[in-house]
Amino acid sequence: MLLLSFLIGFFAGLRSLTPPAVTAWAAHLGWLKLERPFSLVGSMGSVIILSLLAVAELVADKLPKTPNRTAAVGLSARILTGAFTGACIGANSAIFGAVLGIAGALAGTYIGYKARTGIVKALAAPDIFIALAEDLIAIGGSLFVASRF
Protein backbone atom coordinates (compact mmCIF):
# COMPACT_ATOMS: atom_id res chain seq x y z
CA MET A 1 0.00 0.00 0.00
CA LEU A 2 2.87 2.38 0.63
CA LEU A 3 4.04 2.06 -2.98
CA LEU A 4 0.55 3.16 -3.99
CA SER A 5 0.93 6.23 -1.75
CA PHE A 6 4.08 7.16 -3.66
CA LEU A 7 2.33 6.60 -6.99
CA ILE A 8 -0.73 8.69 -6.15
CA GLY A 9 1.70 11.43 -5.07
CA PHE A 10 3.55 11.04 -8.38
CA PHE A 11 0.32 11.65 -10.27
CA ALA A 12 -0.33 14.70 -8.06
CA GLY A 13 3.01 15.96 -9.35
CA LEU A 14 1.61 15.74 -12.88
CA ARG A 15 -1.83 17.22 -12.12
CA SER A 16 -2.30 18.45 -8.58
CA LEU A 17 -6.09 18.10 -8.38
CA THR A 18 -6.71 14.92 -10.36
CA PRO A 19 -5.60 12.50 -7.60
CA PRO A 20 -7.73 14.20 -4.91
CA ALA A 21 -10.77 14.09 -7.22
CA VAL A 22 -10.18 10.42 -8.03
CA THR A 23 -9.59 9.63 -4.35
CA ALA A 24 -12.87 11.37 -3.49
CA TRP A 25 -14.73 9.33 -6.10
CA ALA A 26 -13.07 6.11 -4.90
CA ALA A 27 -14.15 6.81 -1.31
CA HIS A 28 -17.64 7.85 -2.42
CA LEU A 29 -18.09 4.69 -4.51
CA GLY A 30 -16.79 2.47 -1.72
CA TRP A 31 -13.62 1.38 -3.52
CA LEU A 32 -11.54 2.96 -0.79
CA LYS A 33 -12.55 2.56 2.84
CA LEU A 34 -11.42 5.59 4.83
CA GLU A 35 -11.71 6.38 8.52
CA ARG A 36 -12.42 9.84 9.89
CA PRO A 37 -11.16 12.46 9.17
CA PHE A 38 -10.20 11.13 5.72
CA SER A 39 -13.68 9.71 5.11
CA LEU A 40 -14.98 13.26 4.60
CA VAL A 41 -13.32 13.31 1.21
CA GLY A 42 -15.93 10.79 0.03
CA SER A 43 -18.88 13.10 0.72
CA MET A 44 -20.89 14.26 -2.29
CA GLY A 45 -19.85 17.87 -1.63
CA SER A 46 -16.16 16.94 -1.69
CA VAL A 47 -16.62 14.85 -4.83
CA ILE A 48 -18.34 17.70 -6.67
CA ILE A 49 -15.90 20.41 -5.56
CA LEU A 50 -12.77 18.35 -6.22
CA SER A 51 -14.08 17.16 -9.59
CA LEU A 52 -14.83 20.72 -10.71
CA LEU A 53 -11.42 21.91 -9.53
CA ALA A 54 -9.70 19.02 -11.35
CA VAL A 55 -11.49 19.83 -14.61
CA ALA A 56 -10.60 23.52 -14.21
CA GLU A 57 -6.96 22.56 -13.69
CA LEU A 58 -6.96 20.37 -16.81
CA VAL A 59 -8.19 23.36 -18.82
CA ALA A 60 -5.94 25.93 -17.12
CA ASP A 61 -2.85 23.79 -17.73
CA LYS A 62 -3.21 24.40 -21.47
CA LEU A 63 -3.34 28.19 -21.18
CA PRO A 64 -0.18 30.09 -22.14
CA LYS A 65 -0.10 32.24 -18.98
CA THR A 66 -0.35 29.32 -16.56
CA PRO A 67 2.67 29.38 -14.23
CA ASN A 68 5.25 26.64 -14.34
CA ARG A 69 4.48 23.64 -12.10
CA THR A 70 7.84 24.08 -10.37
CA ALA A 71 6.96 27.64 -9.30
CA ALA A 72 6.23 28.06 -5.59
CA VAL A 73 2.42 28.02 -5.80
CA GLY A 74 2.20 25.04 -8.15
CA LEU A 75 4.83 23.07 -6.28
CA SER A 76 3.17 23.78 -2.92
CA ALA A 77 -0.19 22.59 -4.24
CA ARG A 78 1.40 19.38 -5.54
CA ILE A 79 3.14 18.74 -2.21
CA LEU A 80 -0.10 19.29 -0.26
CA THR A 81 -2.27 17.16 -2.53
CA GLY A 82 0.43 14.49 -2.71
CA ALA A 83 0.57 14.37 1.09
CA PHE A 84 -3.21 14.25 1.44
CA THR A 85 -3.84 11.59 -1.19
CA GLY A 86 -0.82 9.60 -0.04
CA ALA A 87 -2.23 9.61 3.50
CA CYS A 88 -5.65 8.50 2.21
CA ILE A 89 -4.21 5.66 0.15
CA GLY A 90 -1.87 4.60 2.96
CA ALA A 91 -4.58 5.04 5.60
CA ASN A 92 -3.28 2.18 7.74
CA SER A 93 -0.09 4.18 7.98
CA ALA A 94 -1.20 7.73 7.19
CA ILE A 95 2.07 9.37 8.24
CA PHE A 96 4.20 7.14 6.02
CA GLY A 97 1.58 7.47 3.28
CA ALA A 98 1.79 11.27 3.47
CA VAL A 99 5.60 11.26 3.41
CA LEU A 100 5.62 8.93 0.41
CA GLY A 101 2.91 11.04 -1.23
CA ILE A 102 5.14 14.10 -0.86
CA ALA A 103 8.13 12.22 -2.28
CA GLY A 104 5.97 11.05 -5.18
CA ALA A 105 4.66 14.56 -5.78
CA LEU A 106 8.18 15.96 -5.95
CA ALA A 107 9.27 13.19 -8.30
CA GLY A 108 6.18 13.62 -10.48
CA THR A 109 6.58 17.39 -10.61
CA TYR A 110 10.17 17.39 -11.79
CA ILE A 111 10.11 14.22 -13.90
CA GLY A 112 6.84 15.33 -15.51
CA TYR A 113 8.24 18.79 -16.23
CA LYS A 114 11.47 17.45 -17.74
CA ALA A 115 9.62 14.80 -19.75
CA ARG A 116 7.02 17.20 -21.12
CA THR A 117 9.48 19.92 -22.11
CA GLY A 118 11.94 17.36 -23.45
CA ILE A 119 9.36 15.57 -25.60
CA VAL A 120 7.97 18.84 -26.94
CA LYS A 121 11.48 19.91 -27.91
CA ALA A 122 12.59 16.53 -29.30
CA LEU A 123 9.47 16.01 -31.42
CA ALA A 124 8.96 19.70 -32.23
CA ALA A 125 5.36 18.94 -31.31
CA PRO A 126 2.80 21.42 -30.05
CA ASP A 127 2.78 21.43 -26.26
CA ILE A 128 -0.96 20.78 -26.12
CA PHE A 129 -0.59 17.26 -27.51
CA ILE A 130 1.98 16.31 -24.90
CA ALA A 131 -0.10 18.01 -22.19
CA LEU A 132 -3.15 15.95 -23.20
CA ALA A 133 -1.10 12.76 -23.02
CA GLU A 134 0.09 13.83 -19.57
CA ASP A 135 -3.56 14.40 -18.56
CA LEU A 136 -4.41 10.84 -19.59
CA ILE A 137 -1.46 9.46 -17.62
CA ALA A 138 -2.49 11.39 -14.49
CA ILE A 139 -6.14 10.36 -14.78
CA GLY A 140 -5.46 6.74 -15.71
CA GLY A 141 -2.71 6.33 -13.15
CA SER A 142 -4.84 7.82 -10.37
CA LEU A 143 -7.74 5.54 -11.30
CA PHE A 144 -5.39 2.55 -11.30
CA VAL A 145 -4.12 3.37 -7.79
CA ALA A 146 -7.56 4.13 -6.36
CA SER A 147 -9.05 0.92 -7.74
CA ARG A 148 -6.48 -1.37 -6.08
CA PHE A 149 -8.52 -1.72 -2.89
C-alpha atoms as a PDB file:
ATOM      1  CA  MET A   1       0.000   0.000   0.000  1.00  0.00           C
ATOM      2  CA  LEU A   2       2.873   2.376   0.629  1.00  0.00           C
ATOM      3  CA  LEU A   3       4.040   2.060  -2.975  1.00  0.00           C
ATOM      4  CA  LEU A   4       0.549   3.157  -3.987  1.00  0.00           C
ATOM      5  CA  SER A   5       0.928   6.229  -1.754  1.00  0.00           C
ATOM      6  CA  PHE A   6       4.075   7.157  -3.661  1.00  0.00           C
ATOM      7  CA  LEU A   7       2.326   6.595  -6.993  1.00  0.00           C
ATOM      8  CA  ILE A   8      -0.732   8.692  -6.152  1.00  0.00           C
ATOM      9  CA  GLY A   9       1.696  11.427  -5.073  1.00  0.00           C
ATOM     10  CA  PHE A  10       3.550  11.044  -8.377  1.00  0.00           C
ATOM     11  CA  PHE A  11       0.319  11.653 -10.270  1.00  0.00           C
ATOM     12  CA  ALA A  12      -0.327  14.696  -8.059  1.00  0.00           C
ATOM     13  CA  GLY A  13       3.008  15.959  -9.352  1.00  0.00           C
ATOM     14  CA  LEU A  14       1.611  15.745 -12.884  1.00  0.00           C
ATOM     15  CA  ARG A  15      -1.828  17.223 -12.118  1.00  0.00           C
ATOM     16  CA  SER A  16      -2.296  18.446  -8.575  1.00  0.00           C
ATOM     17  CA  LEU A  17      -6.085  18.101  -8.384  1.00  0.00           C
ATOM     18  CA  THR A  18      -6.710  14.918 -10.356  1.00  0.00           C
ATOM     19  CA  PRO A  19      -5.598  12.502  -7.600  1.00  0.00           C
ATOM     20  CA  PRO A  20      -7.733  14.196  -4.910  1.00  0.00           C
ATOM     21  CA  ALA A  21     -10.769  14.086  -7.223  1.00  0.00           C
ATOM     22  CA  VAL A  22     -10.182  10.418  -8.035  1.00  0.00           C
ATOM     23  CA  THR A  23      -9.594   9.629  -4.350  1.00  0.00           C
ATOM     24  CA  ALA A  24     -12.867  11.372  -3.494  1.00  0.00           C
ATOM     25  CA  TRP A  25     -14.727   9.328  -6.098  1.00  0.00           C
ATOM     26  CA  ALA A  26     -13.065   6.106  -4.896  1.00  0.00           C
ATOM     27  CA  ALA A  27     -14.153   6.814  -1.315  1.00  0.00           C
ATOM     28  CA  HIS A  28     -17.637   7.847  -2.424  1.00  0.00           C
ATOM     29  CA  LEU A  29     -18.089   4.689  -4.513  1.00  0.00           C
ATOM     30  CA  GLY A  30     -16.787   2.468  -1.718  1.00  0.00           C
ATOM     31  CA  TRP A  31     -13.619   1.380  -3.521  1.00  0.00           C
ATOM     32  CA  LEU A  32     -11.544   2.956  -0.794  1.00  0.00           C
ATOM     33  CA  LYS A  33     -12.554   2.563   2.845  1.00  0.00           C
ATOM     34  CA  LEU A  34     -11.422   5.587   4.826  1.00  0.00           C
ATOM     35  CA  GLU A  35     -11.713   6.378   8.515  1.00  0.00           C
ATOM     36  CA  ARG A  36     -12.416   9.841   9.888  1.00  0.00           C
ATOM     37  CA  PRO A  37     -11.158  12.458   9.174  1.00  0.00           C
ATOM     38  CA  PHE A  38     -10.198  11.131   5.719  1.00  0.00           C
ATOM     39  CA  SER A  39     -13.678   9.710   5.107  1.00  0.00           C
ATOM     40  CA  LEU A  40     -14.983  13.261   4.605  1.00  0.00           C
ATOM     41  CA  VAL A  41     -13.324  13.310   1.207  1.00  0.00           C
ATOM     42  CA  GLY A  42     -15.934  10.793   0.030  1.00  0.00           C
ATOM     43  CA  SER A  43     -18.881  13.099   0.717  1.00  0.00           C
ATOM     44  CA  MET A  44     -20.889  14.261  -2.286  1.00  0.00           C
ATOM     45  CA  GLY A  45     -19.845  17.871  -1.626  1.00  0.00           C
ATOM     46  CA  SER A  46     -16.162  16.939  -1.694  1.00  0.00           C
ATOM     47  CA  VAL A  47     -16.622  14.849  -4.832  1.00  0.00           C
ATOM     48  CA  ILE A  48     -18.336  17.703  -6.669  1.00  0.00           C
ATOM     49  CA  ILE A  49     -15.898  20.411  -5.565  1.00  0.00           C
ATOM     50  CA  LEU A  50     -12.768  18.348  -6.218  1.00  0.00           C
ATOM     51  CA  SER A  51     -14.076  17.159  -9.592  1.00  0.00           C
ATOM     52  CA  LEU A  52     -14.831  20.721 -10.713  1.00  0.00           C
ATOM     53  CA  LEU A  53     -11.417  21.906  -9.532  1.00  0.00           C
ATOM     54  CA  ALA A  54      -9.702  19.019 -11.347  1.00  0.00           C
ATOM     55  CA  VAL A  55     -11.492  19.833 -14.613  1.00  0.00           C
ATOM     56  CA  ALA A  56     -10.599  23.519 -14.214  1.00  0.00           C
ATOM     57  CA  GLU A  57      -6.959  22.564 -13.695  1.00  0.00           C
ATOM     58  CA  LEU A  58      -6.964  20.375 -16.807  1.00  0.00           C
ATOM     59  CA  VAL A  59      -8.187  23.361 -18.818  1.00  0.00           C
ATOM     60  CA  ALA A  60      -5.937  25.932 -17.122  1.00  0.00           C
ATOM     61  CA  ASP A  61      -2.852  23.793 -17.728  1.00  0.00           C
ATOM     62  CA  LYS A  62      -3.206  24.401 -21.468  1.00  0.00           C
ATOM     63  CA  LEU A  63      -3.341  28.192 -21.184  1.00  0.00           C
ATOM     64  CA  PRO A  64      -0.175  30.091 -22.136  1.00  0.00           C
ATOM     65  CA  LYS A  65      -0.102  32.242 -18.984  1.00  0.00           C
ATOM     66  CA  THR A  66      -0.348  29.320 -16.556  1.00  0.00           C
ATOM     67  CA  PRO A  67       2.672  29.384 -14.228  1.00  0.00           C
ATOM     68  CA  ASN A  68       5.253  26.642 -14.339  1.00  0.00           C
ATOM     69  CA  ARG A  69       4.484  23.638 -12.103  1.00  0.00           C
ATOM     70  CA  THR A  70       7.844  24.077 -10.375  1.00  0.00           C
ATOM     71  CA  ALA A  71       6.961  27.641  -9.301  1.00  0.00           C
ATOM     72  CA  ALA A  72       6.232  28.060  -5.588  1.00  0.00           C
ATOM     73  CA  VAL A  73       2.421  28.024  -5.799  1.00  0.00           C
ATOM     74  CA  GLY A  74       2.198  25.044  -8.151  1.00  0.00           C
ATOM     75  CA  LEU A  75       4.830  23.070  -6.279  1.00  0.00           C
ATOM     76  CA  SER A  76       3.172  23.783  -2.922  1.00  0.00           C
ATOM     77  CA  ALA A  77      -0.190  22.586  -4.242  1.00  0.00           C
ATOM     78  CA  ARG A  78       1.400  19.385  -5.538  1.00  0.00           C
ATOM     79  CA  ILE A  79       3.135  18.739  -2.211  1.00  0.00           C
ATOM     80  CA  LEU A  80      -0.103  19.292  -0.264  1.00  0.00           C
ATOM     81  CA  THR A  81      -2.272  17.155  -2.531  1.00  0.00           C
ATOM     82  CA  GLY A  82       0.432  14.489  -2.708  1.00  0.00           C
ATOM     83  CA  ALA A  83       0.569  14.373   1.094  1.00  0.00           C
ATOM     84  CA  PHE A  84      -3.210  14.253   1.437  1.00  0.00           C
ATOM     85  CA  THR A  85      -3.841  11.588  -1.193  1.00  0.00           C
ATOM     86  CA  GLY A  86      -0.821   9.596  -0.036  1.00  0.00           C
ATOM     87  CA  ALA A  87      -2.229   9.606   3.496  1.00  0.00           C
ATOM     88  CA  CYS A  88      -5.650   8.503   2.208  1.00  0.00           C
ATOM     89  CA  ILE A  89      -4.211   5.662   0.150  1.00  0.00           C
ATOM     90  CA  GLY A  90      -1.875   4.597   2.955  1.00  0.00           C
ATOM     91  CA  ALA A  91      -4.585   5.041   5.600  1.00  0.00           C
ATOM     92  CA  ASN A  92      -3.277   2.176   7.738  1.00  0.00           C
ATOM     93  CA  SER A  93      -0.087   4.180   7.984  1.00  0.00           C
ATOM     94  CA  ALA A  94      -1.201   7.727   7.185  1.00  0.00           C
ATOM     95  CA  ILE A  95       2.071   9.374   8.240  1.00  0.00           C
ATOM     96  CA  PHE A  96       4.197   7.140   6.016  1.00  0.00           C
ATOM     97  CA  GLY A  97       1.583   7.472   3.278  1.00  0.00           C
ATOM     98  CA  ALA A  98       1.786  11.269   3.470  1.00  0.00           C
ATOM     99  CA  VAL A  99       5.596  11.260   3.407  1.00  0.00           C
ATOM    100  CA  LEU A 100       5.617   8.930   0.414  1.00  0.00           C
ATOM    101  CA  GLY A 101       2.913  11.041  -1.227  1.00  0.00           C
ATOM    102  CA  ILE A 102       5.140  14.099  -0.856  1.00  0.00           C
ATOM    103  CA  ALA A 103       8.133  12.217  -2.281  1.00  0.00           C
ATOM    104  CA  GLY A 104       5.970  11.046  -5.180  1.00  0.00           C
ATOM    105  CA  ALA A 105       4.658  14.562  -5.782  1.00  0.00           C
ATOM    106  CA  LEU A 106       8.181  15.963  -5.948  1.00  0.00           C
ATOM    107  CA  ALA A 107       9.268  13.189  -8.304  1.00  0.00           C
ATOM    108  CA  GLY A 108       6.183  13.620 -10.477  1.00  0.00           C
ATOM    109  CA  THR A 109       6.576  17.385 -10.609  1.00  0.00           C
ATOM    110  CA  TYR A 110      10.174  17.386 -11.789  1.00  0.00           C
ATOM    111  CA  ILE A 111      10.107  14.223 -13.898  1.00  0.00           C
ATOM    112  CA  GLY A 112       6.845  15.334 -15.510  1.00  0.00           C
ATOM    113  CA  TYR A 113       8.241  18.791 -16.233  1.00  0.00           C
ATOM    114  CA  LYS A 114      11.470  17.454 -17.739  1.00  0.00           C
ATOM    115  CA  ALA A 115       9.624  14.798 -19.748  1.00  0.00           C
ATOM    116  CA  ARG A 116       7.024  17.202 -21.123  1.00  0.00           C
ATOM    117  CA  THR A 117       9.478  19.917 -22.108  1.00  0.00           C
ATOM    118  CA  GLY A 118      11.945  17.357 -23.448  1.00  0.00           C
ATOM    119  CA  ILE A 119       9.357  15.567 -25.598  1.00  0.00           C
ATOM    120  CA  VAL A 120       7.968  18.841 -26.944  1.00  0.00           C
ATOM    121  CA  LYS A 121      11.481  19.908 -27.910  1.00  0.00           C
ATOM    122  CA  ALA A 122      12.588  16.531 -29.296  1.00  0.00           C
ATOM    123  CA  LEU A 123       9.474  16.012 -31.421  1.00  0.00           C
ATOM    124  CA  ALA A 124       8.964  19.698 -32.230  1.00  0.00           C
ATOM    125  CA  ALA A 125       5.356  18.940 -31.313  1.00  0.00           C
ATOM    126  CA  PRO A 126       2.804  21.421 -30.049  1.00  0.00           C
ATOM    127  CA  ASP A 127       2.779  21.426 -26.262  1.00  0.00           C
ATOM    128  CA  ILE A 128      -0.965  20.784 -26.117  1.00  0.00           C
ATOM    129  CA  PHE A 129      -0.589  17.258 -27.510  1.00  0.00           C
ATOM    130  CA  ILE A 130       1.984  16.311 -24.901  1.00  0.00           C
ATOM    131  CA  ALA A 131      -0.100  18.009 -22.194  1.00  0.00           C
ATOM    132  CA  LEU A 132      -3.151  15.952 -23.204  1.00  0.00           C
ATOM    133  CA  ALA A 133      -1.098  12.760 -23.023  1.00  0.00           C
ATOM    134  CA  GLU A 134       0.085  13.831 -19.573  1.00  0.00           C
ATOM    135  CA  ASP A 135      -3.559  14.397 -18.562  1.00  0.00           C
ATOM    136  CA  LEU A 136      -4.405  10.838 -19.585  1.00  0.00           C
ATOM    137  CA  ILE A 137      -1.461   9.456 -17.617  1.00  0.00           C
ATOM    138  CA  ALA A 138      -2.486  11.394 -14.493  1.00  0.00           C
ATOM    139  CA  ILE A 139      -6.144  10.360 -14.777  1.00  0.00           C
ATOM    140  CA  GLY A 140      -5.464   6.740 -15.714  1.00  0.00           C
ATOM    141  CA  GLY A 141      -2.709   6.333 -13.150  1.00  0.00           C
ATOM    142  CA  SER A 142      -4.844   7.821 -10.372  1.00  0.00           C
ATOM    143  CA  LEU A 143      -7.742   5.536 -11.295  1.00  0.00           C
ATOM    144  CA  PHE A 144      -5.392   2.549 -11.297  1.00  0.00           C
ATOM    145  CA  VAL A 145      -4.118   3.373  -7.794  1.00  0.00           C
ATOM    146  CA  ALA A 146      -7.564   4.126  -6.356  1.00  0.00           C
ATOM    147  CA  SER A 147      -9.045   0.918  -7.744  1.00  0.00           C
ATOM    148  CA  ARG A 148      -6.475  -1.366  -6.079  1.00  0.00           C
ATOM    149  CA  PHE A 149      -8.519  -1.721  -2.889  1.00  0.00           C
END
